Amino acid sequence: MEPTRRVYPVQLDESAWRDRLTPQEFAVLRQGGTERAFSGEYWDDHSEGVYACRACGAELFRSREKFDSHCGWPSFFAPLAGDRVEYVADRSHGTVRNEVRCANCGSHLGHLFEGEGYPTPTDLRYCINSISIRREPVTEPTVEPAQPGRSQAPTSGDSAATTVR
């Protein structure tokens, strides 16, 4: 992984990253590796949620922008917001690709491809390693419990609405 001159909000030295991450996570997130296609936990996951950077926890993508590209890695057509990821020219493997990194900690997420003809609003494919992200389930809004002395709506078993005074 090529270093950049950018100063990230989350900065740890290599030893601290190794302590925080598993060896496989470190190899992908901090050294720019790639997990094998069709091996990650999210390539075919359709659960709702927010995908966060596994290294620092920054929210990066939402499930509603995830689509089936059949490439073996989770694919998104847009990040949560444009400033959540950064793009670095990747000149490895004899070609130039757009590497996608977490803008909060600089961890390698995957690559960005465009013009492949997928029927998405952006014609972009953020091809992201499952091991680089963690899906947090969507939580339902909490309902405040009824307060004594306030009017309460009847429940399905009530015969009539009651007002407590």
C-alpha atoms as a PDB file:
ATOM      1  CA  MET A   1       0.000   0.000   0.000  1.00  0.00           C
ATOM      2  CA  GLU A   2       1.483   3.313  -1.076  1.00  0.00           C
ATOM      3  CA  PRO A   3       1.713   5.889   1.709  1.00  0.00           C
ATOM      4  CA  THR A   4       0.009   9.233   1.218  1.00  0.00           C
ATOM      5  CA  ARG A   5       0.862  12.610   2.690  1.00  0.00           C
ATOM      6  CA  ARG A   6      -2.578  12.900   4.207  1.00  0.00           C
ATOM      7  CA  VAL A   7      -2.921  13.178   7.972  1.00  0.00           C
ATOM      8  CA  TYR A   8      -5.842  11.011   9.070  1.00  0.00           C
ATOM      9  CA  PRO A   9      -8.021  11.736  12.121  1.00  0.00           C
ATOM     10  CA  VAL A  10      -7.235   8.222  13.455  1.00  0.00           C
ATOM     11  CA  GLN A  11      -3.506   7.552  13.547  1.00  0.00           C
ATOM     12  CA  LEU A  12      -1.873   4.512  15.098  1.00  0.00           C
ATOM     13  CA  ASP A  13       1.600   3.102  14.632  1.00  0.00           C
ATOM     14  CA  GLU A  14       2.043  -0.297  13.002  1.00  0.00           C
ATOM     15  CA  SER A  15       2.326  -2.082  16.354  1.00  0.00           C
ATOM     16  CA  ALA A  16      -0.976  -0.620  17.590  1.00  0.00           C
ATOM     17  CA  TRP A  17      -2.726  -1.612  14.332  1.00  0.00           C
ATOM     18  CA  ARG A  18      -1.359  -5.159  14.696  1.00  0.00           C
ATOM     19  CA  ASP A  19      -2.706  -5.306  18.257  1.00  0.00           C
ATOM     20  CA  ARG A  20      -6.131  -4.059  17.155  1.00  0.00           C
ATOM     21  CA  LEU A  21      -6.584  -6.215  14.035  1.00  0.00           C
ATOM     22  CA  THR A  22      -6.350  -9.921  13.277  1.00  0.00           C
ATOM     23  CA  PRO A  23      -3.457 -10.933  10.993  1.00  0.00           C
ATOM     24  CA  GLN A  24      -5.895 -11.288   8.055  1.00  0.00           C
ATOM     25  CA  GLU A  25      -7.492  -7.883   8.735  1.00  0.00           C
ATOM     26  CA  PHE A  26      -4.047  -6.277   9.027  1.00  0.00           C
ATOM     27  CA  ALA A  27      -2.919  -7.794   5.706  1.00  0.00           C
ATOM     28  CA  VAL A  28      -5.887  -6.283   3.854  1.00  0.00           C
ATOM     29  CA  LEU A  29      -6.594  -3.055   5.757  1.00  0.00           C
ATOM     30  CA  ARG A  30      -3.051  -1.890   6.459  1.00  0.00           C
ATOM     31  CA  GLN A  31      -1.023  -3.628   3.738  1.00  0.00           C
ATOM     32  CA  GLY A  32      -3.466  -3.356   0.823  1.00  0.00           C
ATOM     33  CA  GLY A  33      -4.121  -7.060   0.389  1.00  0.00           C
ATOM     34  CA  THR A  34      -7.237  -8.655  -1.108  1.00  0.00           C
ATOM     35  CA  GLU A  35      -9.348 -11.467   0.248  1.00  0.00           C
ATOM     36  CA  ARG A  36     -10.238 -14.305  -2.117  1.00  0.00           C
ATOM     37  CA  ALA A  37     -13.372 -13.784  -4.201  1.00  0.00           C
ATOM     38  CA  PHE A  38     -16.546 -15.378  -2.815  1.00  0.00           C
ATOM     39  CA  SER A  39     -14.873 -15.966   0.575  1.00  0.00           C
ATOM     40  CA  GLY A  40     -15.908 -12.903   2.594  1.00  0.00           C
ATOM     41  CA  GLU A  41     -18.927 -12.684   4.850  1.00  0.00           C
ATOM     42  CA  TYR A  42     -20.733  -9.890   2.962  1.00  0.00           C
ATOM     43  CA  TRP A  43     -20.367 -10.672  -0.771  1.00  0.00           C
ATOM     44  CA  ASP A  44     -23.864 -12.195  -0.866  1.00  0.00           C
ATOM     45  CA  ASP A  45     -25.347 -10.647   2.270  1.00  0.00           C
ATOM     46  CA  HIS A  46     -28.598  -8.726   1.755  1.00  0.00           C
ATOM     47  CA  SER A  47     -29.260  -7.646   5.340  1.00  0.00           C
ATOM     48  CA  GLU A  48     -30.039  -4.022   6.057  1.00  0.00           C
ATOM     49  CA  GLY A  49     -27.413  -2.044   7.848  1.00  0.00           C
ATOM     50  CA  VAL A  50     -24.552   0.391   7.784  1.00  0.00           C
ATOM     51  CA  TYR A  51     -21.113  -0.819   6.755  1.00  0.00           C
ATOM     52  CA  ALA A  52     -18.313   0.678   8.836  1.00  0.00           C
ATOM     53  CA  CYS A  53     -14.537   0.494   8.540  1.00  0.00           C
ATOM     54  CA  ARG A  54     -13.384  -2.556  10.477  1.00  0.00           C
ATOM     55  CA  ALA A  55     -10.221  -0.728  11.559  1.00  0.00           C
ATOM     56  CA  CYS A  56     -11.678   2.501  12.992  1.00  0.00           C
ATOM     57  CA  GLY A  57     -15.484   2.180  12.961  1.00  0.00           C
ATOM     58  CA  ALA A  58     -16.191   5.092  10.579  1.00  0.00           C
ATOM     59  CA  GLU A  59     -19.499   4.600   8.729  1.00  0.00           C
ATOM     60  CA  LEU A  60     -18.791   4.195   5.025  1.00  0.00           C
ATOM     61  CA  PHE A  61     -21.655   2.560   3.100  1.00  0.00           C
ATOM     62  CA  ARG A  62     -25.330   1.669   3.546  1.00  0.00           C
ATOM     63  CA  SER A  63     -27.065  -1.508   2.450  1.00  0.00           C
ATOM     64  CA  ARG A  64     -29.430   0.414   0.161  1.00  0.00           C
ATOM     65  CA  GLU A  65     -26.441   1.281  -2.083  1.00  0.00           C
ATOM     66  CA  LYS A  66     -25.239  -2.343  -2.157  1.00  0.00           C
ATOM     67  CA  PHE A  67     -25.947  -4.383  -5.278  1.00  0.00           C
ATOM     68  CA  ASP A  68     -25.233  -7.810  -6.733  1.00  0.00           C
ATOM     69  CA  SER A  69     -22.336  -7.496  -9.152  1.00  0.00           C
ATOM     70  CA  HIS A  70     -21.539 -11.229  -9.039  1.00  0.00           C
ATOM     71  CA  CYS A  71     -17.817 -10.454  -8.703  1.00  0.00           C
ATOM     72  CA  GLY A  72     -17.298 -12.188  -5.349  1.00  0.00           C
ATOM     73  CA  TRP A  73     -16.902  -9.070  -3.199  1.00  0.00           C
ATOM     74  CA  PRO A  74     -19.470  -6.675  -1.737  1.00  0.00           C
ATOM     75  CA  SER A  75     -20.298  -3.988  -4.295  1.00  0.00           C
ATOM     76  CA  PHE A  76     -21.778  -0.554  -3.669  1.00  0.00           C
ATOM     77  CA  PHE A  77     -22.689   2.157  -6.183  1.00  0.00           C
ATOM     78  CA  ALA A  78     -21.952   5.044  -3.783  1.00  0.00           C
ATOM     79  CA  PRO A  79     -20.441   5.680  -0.361  1.00  0.00           C
ATOM     80  CA  LEU A  80     -22.495   7.037   2.538  1.00  0.00           C
ATOM     81  CA  ALA A  81     -21.034  10.477   1.772  1.00  0.00           C
ATOM     82  CA  GLY A  82     -18.283  11.585  -0.577  1.00  0.00           C
ATOM     83  CA  ASP A  83     -15.922  12.543   2.209  1.00  0.00           C
ATOM     84  CA  ARG A  84     -16.096   9.107   3.914  1.00  0.00           C
ATOM     85  CA  VAL A  85     -13.648   7.527   1.454  1.00  0.00           C
ATOM     86  CA  GLU A  86     -10.581   8.685  -0.416  1.00  0.00           C
ATOM     87  CA  TYR A  87      -9.148   7.577  -3.726  1.00  0.00           C
ATOM     88  CA  VAL A  88      -5.510   6.754  -4.370  1.00  0.00           C
ATOM     89  CA  ALA A  89      -3.983   5.761  -7.717  1.00  0.00           C
ATOM     90  CA  ASP A  90      -2.966   2.099  -7.442  1.00  0.00           C
ATOM     91  CA  ARG A  91      -0.266   1.252  -9.981  1.00  0.00           C
ATOM     92  CA  SER A  92       0.256  -2.341  -8.867  1.00  0.00           C
ATOM     93  CA  HIS A  93      -0.393  -5.331 -11.137  1.00  0.00           C
ATOM     94  CA  GLY A  94       0.732  -3.496 -14.284  1.00  0.00           C
ATOM     95  CA  THR A  95      -2.294  -1.196 -14.512  1.00  0.00           C
ATOM     96  CA  VAL A  96      -3.725   1.904 -12.860  1.00  0.00           C
ATOM     97  CA  ARG A  97      -6.768   1.405 -10.657  1.00  0.00           C
ATOM     98  CA  ASN A  98      -8.555   3.641  -8.160  1.00  0.00           C
ATOM     99  CA  GLU A  99      -7.888   2.339  -4.674  1.00  0.00           C
ATOM    100  CA  VAL A 100     -10.589   3.139  -2.104  1.00  0.00           C
ATOM    101  CA  ARG A 101      -9.432   3.924   1.437  1.00  0.00           C
ATOM    102  CA  CYS A 102     -11.194   4.957   4.624  1.00  0.00           C
ATOM    103  CA  ALA A 103     -10.850   8.733   4.914  1.00  0.00           C
ATOM    104  CA  ASN A 104     -10.812   8.458   8.717  1.00  0.00           C
ATOM    105  CA  CYS A 105      -7.841   6.098   9.164  1.00  0.00           C
ATOM    106  CA  GLY A 106      -6.388   5.439   5.696  1.00  0.00           C
ATOM    107  CA  SER A 107      -7.165   1.717   5.694  1.00  0.00           C
ATOM    108  CA  HIS A 108      -7.453  -0.110   2.366  1.00  0.00           C
ATOM    109  CA  LEU A 109     -11.052  -1.019   1.525  1.00  0.00           C
ATOM    110  CA  GLY A 110     -10.938  -2.122  -2.114  1.00  0.00           C
ATOM    111  CA  HIS A 111     -11.135  -0.495  -5.546  1.00  0.00           C
ATOM    112  CA  LEU A 112     -13.505   1.675  -7.571  1.00  0.00           C
ATOM    113  CA  PHE A 113     -14.493   0.710 -11.117  1.00  0.00           C
ATOM    114  CA  GLU A 114     -16.617   2.736 -13.520  1.00  0.00           C
ATOM    115  CA  GLY A 115     -18.303   2.309 -16.844  1.00  0.00           C
ATOM    116  CA  GLU A 116     -18.998  -1.409 -16.463  1.00  0.00           C
ATOM    117  CA  GLY A 117     -22.669  -1.066 -17.409  1.00  0.00           C
ATOM    118  CA  TYR A 118     -24.307  -2.109 -14.152  1.00  0.00           C
ATOM    119  CA  PRO A 119     -27.888  -0.797 -13.876  1.00  0.00           C
ATOM    120  CA  THR A 120     -27.149   1.500 -10.930  1.00  0.00           C
ATOM    121  CA  PRO A 121     -27.712   5.240 -10.576  1.00  0.00           C
ATOM    122  CA  THR A 122     -23.972   6.002 -10.786  1.00  0.00           C
ATOM    123  CA  ASP A 123     -22.471   3.308 -13.064  1.00  0.00           C
ATOM    124  CA  LEU A 124     -19.791   2.964 -10.371  1.00  0.00           C
ATOM    125  CA  ARG A 125     -18.785  -0.202  -8.524  1.00  0.00           C
ATOM    126  CA  TYR A 126     -17.049   0.138  -5.192  1.00  0.00           C
ATOM    127  CA  CYS A 127     -15.585  -3.367  -4.937  1.00  0.00           C
ATOM    128  CA  ILE A 128     -14.897  -3.701  -1.203  1.00  0.00           C
ATOM    129  CA  ASN A 129     -13.241  -6.484   0.771  1.00  0.00           C
ATOM    130  CA  SER A 130     -15.639  -7.965   3.340  1.00  0.00           C
ATOM    131  CA  ILE A 131     -12.800  -8.121   5.851  1.00  0.00           C
ATOM    132  CA  SER A 132     -12.382  -4.329   5.551  1.00  0.00           C
ATOM    133  CA  ILE A 133     -15.904  -3.563   6.748  1.00  0.00           C
ATOM    134  CA  ARG A 134     -18.358  -4.565   9.466  1.00  0.00           C
ATOM    135  CA  ARG A 135     -22.131  -4.383   9.000  1.00  0.00           C
ATOM    136  CA  GLU A 136     -24.045  -2.823  11.849  1.00  0.00           C
ATOM    137  CA  PRO A 137     -27.749  -3.736  11.764  1.00  0.00           C
ATOM    138  CA  VAL A 138     -30.356  -1.033  11.354  1.00  0.00           C
ATOM    139  CA  THR A 139     -31.981  -0.400  14.692  1.00  0.00           C
ATOM    140  CA  GLU A 140     -35.623   0.469  15.089  1.00  0.00           C
ATOM    141  CA  PRO A 141     -36.400   3.821  16.721  1.00  0.00           C
ATOM    142  CA  THR A 142     -37.082   3.408  20.396  1.00  0.00           C
ATOM    143  CA  VAL A 143     -40.574   4.101  21.672  1.00  0.00           C
ATOM    144  CA  GLU A 144     -40.821   6.005  24.914  1.00  0.00           C
ATOM    145  CA  PRO A 145     -42.789   4.133  27.578  1.00  0.00           C
ATOM    146  CA  ALA A 146     -46.110   5.649  28.591  1.00  0.00           C
ATOM    147  CA  GLN A 147     -45.885   8.080  31.486  1.00  0.00           C
ATOM    148  CA  PRO A 148     -48.354   7.897  34.376  1.00  0.00           C
ATOM    149  CA  GLY A 149     -51.032  10.559  34.160  1.00  0.00           C
ATOM    150  CA  ARG A 150     -50.909  10.834  30.381  1.00  0.00           C
ATOM    151  CA  SER A 151     -53.423   9.663  27.818  1.00  0.00           C
ATOM    152  CA  GLN A 152     -52.613   6.289  26.303  1.00  0.00           C
ATOM    153  CA  ALA A 153     -53.878   4.852  23.043  1.00  0.00           C
ATOM    154  CA  PRO A 154     -55.753   1.557  23.344  1.00  0.00           C
ATOM    155  CA  THR A 155     -53.929  -1.653  22.468  1.00  0.00           C
ATOM    156  CA  SER A 156     -55.484  -4.384  20.348  1.00  0.00           C
ATOM    157  CA  GLY A 157     -56.916  -6.120  23.433  1.00  0.00           C
ATOM    158  CA  ASP A 158     -58.518  -3.010  24.980  1.00  0.00           C
ATOM    159  CA  SER A 159     -62.226  -2.502  24.602  1.00  0.00           C
ATOM    160  CA  ALA A 160     -61.977   1.260  24.832  1.00  0.00           C
ATOM    161  CA  ALA A 161     -59.399   3.969  25.203  1.00  0.00           C
ATOM    162  CA  THR A 162     -58.687   4.988  28.760  1.00  0.00           C
ATOM    163  CA  THR A 163     -57.355   8.269  30.002  1.00  0.00           C
ATOM    164  CA  VAL A 164     -55.514   8.208  33.287  1.00  0.00           C
ATOM    165  CA  ARG A 165     -55.956  11.395  35.347  1.00  0.00           C
END
